[in-house]
Amino acid sequence: MQIGAQLYTLRTYLQNEADMRISLKKVAEMGYKVVQVSGLGPIDPRVLREICDENGLKIALTHVSADRILYDTEKLIAEHDILGCDYIGLGGMPDKYRTDFWVEQFAKDFMEPAKKIAAAGKYFMYHNHAFEFERLPNGKLFLEVLMETMPAELMGFTIDTYWVQAGGADPVQWIEKLKDRIPCVHFKDMSALSNNTTIMAPVGEGNLNWPAIIKKLEELGTTKYALVEQDTCRESPFVCLKKSHDNLIKFGCHD
């Protein structure tokens, strides 16, 4: 399992080619050798691949819009071939599917694109937030419905440790439940403030049980990439990514 940087953390500094060149060089200097592409400004995939190659960075996963997955599948696959990326990710469920009435329609709509992605030797990935742990009137969680309606060979889950915890669930338990469907995971820590709110924190700087999380992932051996993400940072996101990297190395992970 390699650790990588989820570039959404640095999205403010990735909106044009010049900034991308500076920022990705800094990511590589931190020690990262893997990245996830998300939140970037417009750029030709060939140029992005060139920048990553120049800095020794492999693109493991992307987050793209639902519309592109649904209606621009072939071109999206071709772009991922250029990027050398096998995992095509949806960063969040579109609002219309977030009801017990409509959640099963998600699988009906995304099944065909997922089949095309699989036929091209790639894998469709779904990234969770907290709402997937809401219990529906039938007693099931949103996430359980997604697991049951989308076959494992067609959709994996980029399980996000912070959002699992925010949903009142146990990251270790869900890593075990999804063990055959998590080639990529998001590492994100949670800290508490004096006003009883929680905030995102660099990995190892908050309260998640990282020794248990990492141990479970290593025992299962099914995760290729642990991607550090921090949507909001109280200090420079570059500092946060560096802290997360260094703490994970101390925990015994590999860059």
Protein backbone atom coordinates (compact mmCIF):
# COMPACT_ATOMS: atom_id res chain seq x y z
CA MET A 1 0.00 0.00 0.00
CA GLN A 2 1.54 3.28 -1.16
CA ILE A 3 0.62 6.62 0.34
CA GLY A 4 -0.33 9.39 -2.04
CA ALA A 5 -1.60 12.97 -2.09
CA GLN A 6 -5.20 13.79 -3.02
CA LEU A 7 -4.64 16.96 -5.02
CA TYR A 8 -8.05 18.35 -4.05
CA THR A 9 -6.22 19.44 -0.89
CA LEU A 10 -4.21 21.88 -3.05
CA ARG A 11 -6.98 22.86 -5.48
CA THR A 12 -6.46 26.62 -4.96
CA TYR A 13 -2.92 26.20 -6.29
CA LEU A 14 -3.78 24.00 -9.27
CA GLN A 15 -6.01 26.17 -11.45
CA ASN A 16 -3.53 26.80 -14.27
CA GLU A 17 -0.55 25.02 -15.79
CA ALA A 18 2.08 27.29 -14.26
CA ASP A 19 0.74 26.79 -10.74
CA MET A 20 0.43 23.04 -11.33
CA ARG A 21 4.10 22.82 -12.24
CA ILE A 22 5.11 24.60 -9.04
CA SER A 23 2.69 22.71 -6.80
CA LEU A 24 3.35 19.20 -8.14
CA LYS A 25 7.09 19.77 -7.77
CA LYS A 26 6.45 20.62 -4.10
CA VAL A 27 4.33 17.48 -3.67
CA ALA A 28 7.16 15.34 -5.02
CA GLU A 29 9.67 17.09 -2.76
CA MET A 30 7.53 16.10 0.25
CA GLY A 31 8.21 12.48 -0.64
CA TYR A 32 4.96 11.54 -2.37
CA LYS A 33 5.22 9.34 -5.46
CA VAL A 34 1.47 8.94 -6.06
CA VAL A 35 -1.32 11.48 -6.54
CA GLN A 36 -5.05 11.61 -7.10
CA VAL A 37 -6.26 14.16 -9.64
CA SER A 38 -9.19 16.20 -8.35
CA GLY A 39 -10.08 19.89 -8.24
CA LEU A 40 -7.64 20.95 -10.97
CA GLY A 41 -8.29 23.70 -13.49
CA PRO A 42 -8.55 22.86 -17.20
CA ILE A 43 -5.48 21.17 -18.65
CA ASP A 44 -4.72 18.82 -21.51
CA PRO A 45 -4.29 15.30 -20.05
CA ARG A 46 -1.05 14.93 -22.03
CA VAL A 47 0.40 18.00 -20.36
CA LEU A 48 -0.74 16.83 -16.93
CA ARG A 49 0.87 13.44 -17.52
CA GLU A 50 4.07 15.18 -18.63
CA ILE A 51 4.18 17.29 -15.45
CA CYS A 52 3.58 14.25 -13.26
CA ASP A 53 6.20 12.19 -15.09
CA GLU A 54 8.74 14.98 -14.71
CA ASN A 55 8.22 14.83 -10.95
CA GLY A 56 8.07 11.03 -10.62
CA LEU A 57 4.37 11.08 -9.72
CA LYS A 58 1.97 8.30 -10.69
CA ILE A 59 -1.71 9.18 -11.09
CA ALA A 60 -3.64 6.54 -9.17
CA LEU A 61 -7.20 7.85 -9.17
CA THR A 62 -9.34 10.72 -10.41
CA HIS A 63 -12.57 12.39 -9.37
CA VAL A 64 -14.67 13.47 -12.33
CA SER A 65 -18.20 14.75 -12.75
CA ALA A 66 -21.21 12.45 -12.87
CA ASP A 67 -22.14 13.87 -16.28
CA ARG A 68 -18.81 12.89 -17.78
CA ILE A 69 -19.11 9.36 -16.42
CA LEU A 70 -22.66 9.04 -17.72
CA TYR A 71 -22.46 10.83 -21.07
CA ASP A 72 -18.79 11.08 -22.09
CA THR A 73 -17.58 7.65 -21.05
CA GLU A 74 -15.43 6.71 -24.04
CA LYS A 75 -13.54 10.01 -24.09
CA LEU A 76 -13.08 9.80 -20.32
CA ILE A 77 -11.57 6.33 -20.64
CA ALA A 78 -9.22 7.54 -23.39
CA GLU A 79 -8.06 10.41 -21.17
CA HIS A 80 -7.33 7.97 -18.35
CA ASP A 81 -5.27 5.89 -20.76
CA ILE A 82 -3.18 9.00 -21.39
CA LEU A 83 -2.88 9.65 -17.66
CA GLY A 84 -1.88 6.03 -16.99
CA CYS A 85 -4.69 5.86 -14.43
CA ASP A 86 -6.81 2.76 -13.79
CA TYR A 87 -9.34 4.15 -11.31
CA ILE A 88 -12.10 6.54 -12.41
CA GLY A 89 -13.79 8.07 -9.41
CA LEU A 90 -17.04 9.85 -8.59
CA GLY A 91 -16.35 12.29 -5.76
CA GLY A 92 -19.89 12.45 -4.43
CA MET A 93 -23.41 11.32 -5.17
CA PRO A 94 -25.51 13.80 -7.17
CA ASP A 95 -28.27 15.30 -5.05
CA LYS A 96 -31.15 13.64 -6.89
CA TYR A 97 -30.07 10.17 -5.73
CA ARG A 98 -29.88 11.12 -2.04
CA THR A 99 -33.36 9.91 -1.10
CA ASP A 100 -34.71 6.49 -0.27
CA PHE A 101 -37.06 6.87 -3.25
CA TRP A 102 -34.26 7.41 -5.78
CA VAL A 103 -31.08 5.77 -4.40
CA GLU A 104 -31.63 2.51 -6.29
CA GLN A 105 -31.83 4.48 -9.54
CA PHE A 106 -28.14 5.27 -9.11
CA ALA A 107 -27.18 1.71 -10.05
CA LYS A 108 -29.57 1.69 -13.01
CA ASP A 109 -28.03 4.88 -14.38
CA PHE A 110 -24.36 4.10 -13.73
CA MET A 111 -24.36 0.39 -14.60
CA GLU A 112 -23.64 0.82 -18.32
CA PRO A 113 -20.83 3.37 -17.91
CA ALA A 114 -19.31 1.15 -15.21
CA LYS A 115 -19.42 -1.81 -17.61
CA LYS A 116 -17.61 0.21 -20.29
CA ILE A 117 -15.01 1.29 -17.74
CA ALA A 118 -14.48 -2.32 -16.65
CA ALA A 119 -14.25 -3.54 -20.26
CA ALA A 120 -11.43 -1.03 -20.77
CA GLY A 121 -9.50 -2.59 -17.86
CA LYS A 122 -10.33 0.17 -15.41
CA TYR A 123 -12.52 0.39 -12.30
CA PHE A 124 -15.29 2.80 -11.35
CA MET A 125 -14.86 4.14 -7.79
CA TYR A 126 -17.40 5.80 -5.50
CA HIS A 127 -16.24 8.17 -2.73
CA ASN A 128 -18.39 8.36 0.41
CA HIS A 129 -19.28 11.23 2.68
CA ALA A 130 -21.28 11.08 5.92
CA PHE A 131 -24.81 10.90 4.52
CA GLU A 132 -24.28 7.36 3.21
CA PHE A 133 -24.52 6.24 6.83
CA GLU A 134 -28.06 7.53 7.20
CA ARG A 135 -30.48 4.71 7.89
CA LEU A 136 -33.32 4.48 5.36
CA PRO A 137 -36.94 3.55 6.18
CA ASN A 138 -36.19 -0.07 5.19
CA GLY A 139 -33.48 -0.21 7.88
CA LYS A 140 -30.55 -0.23 5.47
CA LEU A 141 -27.87 2.41 5.12
CA PHE A 142 -27.43 4.30 1.86
CA LEU A 143 -24.00 2.66 1.58
CA GLU A 144 -25.47 -0.81 1.99
CA VAL A 145 -27.93 -0.14 -0.83
CA LEU A 146 -25.06 0.96 -3.08
CA MET A 147 -23.11 -2.19 -2.18
CA GLU A 148 -26.07 -4.40 -3.02
CA THR A 149 -27.21 -2.72 -6.23
CA MET A 150 -23.81 -2.14 -7.88
CA PRO A 151 -21.83 -5.38 -8.39
CA ALA A 152 -18.36 -5.50 -6.84
CA GLU A 153 -16.76 -6.12 -10.23
CA LEU A 154 -18.23 -2.86 -11.53
CA MET A 155 -17.85 -0.42 -8.63
CA GLY A 156 -15.39 -0.02 -5.80
CA PHE A 157 -15.45 2.38 -2.86
CA THR A 158 -12.87 5.02 -2.01
CA ILE A 159 -13.65 4.74 1.67
CA ASP A 160 -12.95 8.05 3.44
CA THR A 161 -11.89 7.60 7.04
CA TYR A 162 -13.02 11.05 8.19
CA TRP A 163 -16.47 10.82 6.65
CA VAL A 164 -17.05 7.31 7.99
CA GLN A 165 -16.29 8.62 11.47
CA ALA A 166 -18.45 11.72 10.87
CA GLY A 167 -21.30 9.40 9.92
CA GLY A 168 -21.09 7.76 13.33
CA ALA A 169 -19.52 4.59 11.99
CA ASP A 170 -16.24 2.77 12.61
CA PRO A 171 -13.62 3.11 9.82
CA VAL A 172 -11.99 -0.21 10.72
CA GLN A 173 -15.33 -2.04 10.59
CA TRP A 174 -16.17 -0.59 7.19
CA ILE A 175 -12.73 -1.32 5.81
CA GLU A 176 -13.39 -4.95 6.76
CA LYS A 177 -16.87 -4.90 5.18
CA LEU A 178 -15.59 -3.43 1.93
CA LYS A 179 -12.30 -5.31 1.87
CA ASP A 180 -12.61 -6.58 -1.71
CA ARG A 181 -13.77 -3.22 -3.07
CA ILE A 182 -11.24 -0.70 -1.72
CA PRO A 183 -8.16 -0.53 -3.97
CA CYS A 184 -8.02 3.15 -2.97
CA VAL A 185 -8.84 4.77 0.37
CA HIS A 186 -8.78 8.34 1.64
CA PHE A 187 -6.77 9.05 4.77
CA LYS A 188 -8.16 12.07 6.60
CA ASP A 189 -8.05 12.77 10.33
CA MET A 190 -10.61 14.35 12.65
CA SER A 191 -9.91 16.70 15.53
CA ALA A 192 -12.22 18.42 18.04
CA LEU A 193 -12.62 22.06 19.05
CA SER A 194 -13.73 23.56 22.36
CA ASN A 195 -17.14 24.54 20.92
CA ASN A 196 -18.03 20.87 20.38
CA THR A 197 -17.39 20.94 16.63
CA THR A 198 -15.04 18.73 14.67
CA ILE A 199 -12.50 19.72 12.03
CA MET A 200 -10.28 17.96 9.53
CA ALA A 201 -6.65 17.55 10.53
CA PRO A 202 -3.42 16.16 9.09
CA VAL A 203 -3.18 12.40 9.50
CA GLY A 204 -1.82 11.64 12.96
CA GLU A 205 -2.73 15.08 14.33
CA GLY A 206 -6.34 14.20 15.22
CA ASN A 207 -8.16 11.43 17.02
CA LEU A 208 -8.73 8.63 14.53
CA ASN A 209 -7.21 5.30 15.47
CA TRP A 210 -4.50 5.17 12.81
CA PRO A 211 -2.61 2.15 14.15
CA ALA A 212 -5.83 0.11 13.96
CA ILE A 213 -6.81 1.50 10.53
CA ILE A 214 -3.40 0.84 9.01
CA LYS A 215 -3.13 -2.59 10.63
CA LYS A 216 -6.50 -3.65 9.20
CA LEU A 217 -5.59 -2.45 5.71
CA GLU A 218 -2.26 -4.27 5.86
CA GLU A 219 -3.93 -7.46 7.10
CA LEU A 220 -6.44 -7.40 4.24
CA GLY A 221 -3.83 -6.52 1.63
CA THR A 222 -6.42 -5.36 -0.93
CA THR A 223 -5.68 -1.63 -0.92
CA LYS A 224 -3.08 -0.30 -3.35
CA TYR A 225 -3.22 3.40 -2.50
CA ALA A 226 -3.87 5.37 0.70
CA LEU A 227 -4.49 8.91 -0.50
CA VAL A 228 -4.12 11.78 1.97
CA GLU A 229 -6.89 14.36 1.67
CA GLN A 230 -7.72 17.42 3.73
CA ASP A 231 -10.60 19.47 2.32
CA THR A 232 -10.07 22.32 4.77
CA CYS A 233 -6.82 23.27 6.47
CA ARG A 234 -6.11 25.60 9.39
CA GLU A 235 -2.61 26.21 8.04
CA SER A 236 -1.07 25.95 4.58
CA PRO A 237 -2.38 22.85 2.77
CA PHE A 238 1.21 22.18 1.70
CA VAL A 239 2.20 22.04 5.38
CA CYS A 240 -0.76 19.73 6.11
CA LEU A 241 0.16 17.32 3.30
CA LYS A 242 3.76 17.23 4.49
CA LYS A 243 2.71 16.55 8.09
CA SER A 244 0.42 13.72 6.97
CA HIS A 245 3.16 12.20 4.84
CA ASP A 246 5.75 12.29 7.60
CA ASN A 247 3.36 10.91 10.22
CA LEU A 248 2.38 8.02 7.94
CA ILE A 249 6.04 7.16 7.42
CA LYS A 250 6.40 7.07 11.22
CA PHE A 251 3.38 4.72 11.33
CA GLY A 252 5.25 2.38 8.97
CA CYS A 253 3.52 3.22 5.67
CA HIS A 254 5.45 3.47 2.41
CA ASP A 255 5.67 6.40 0.02
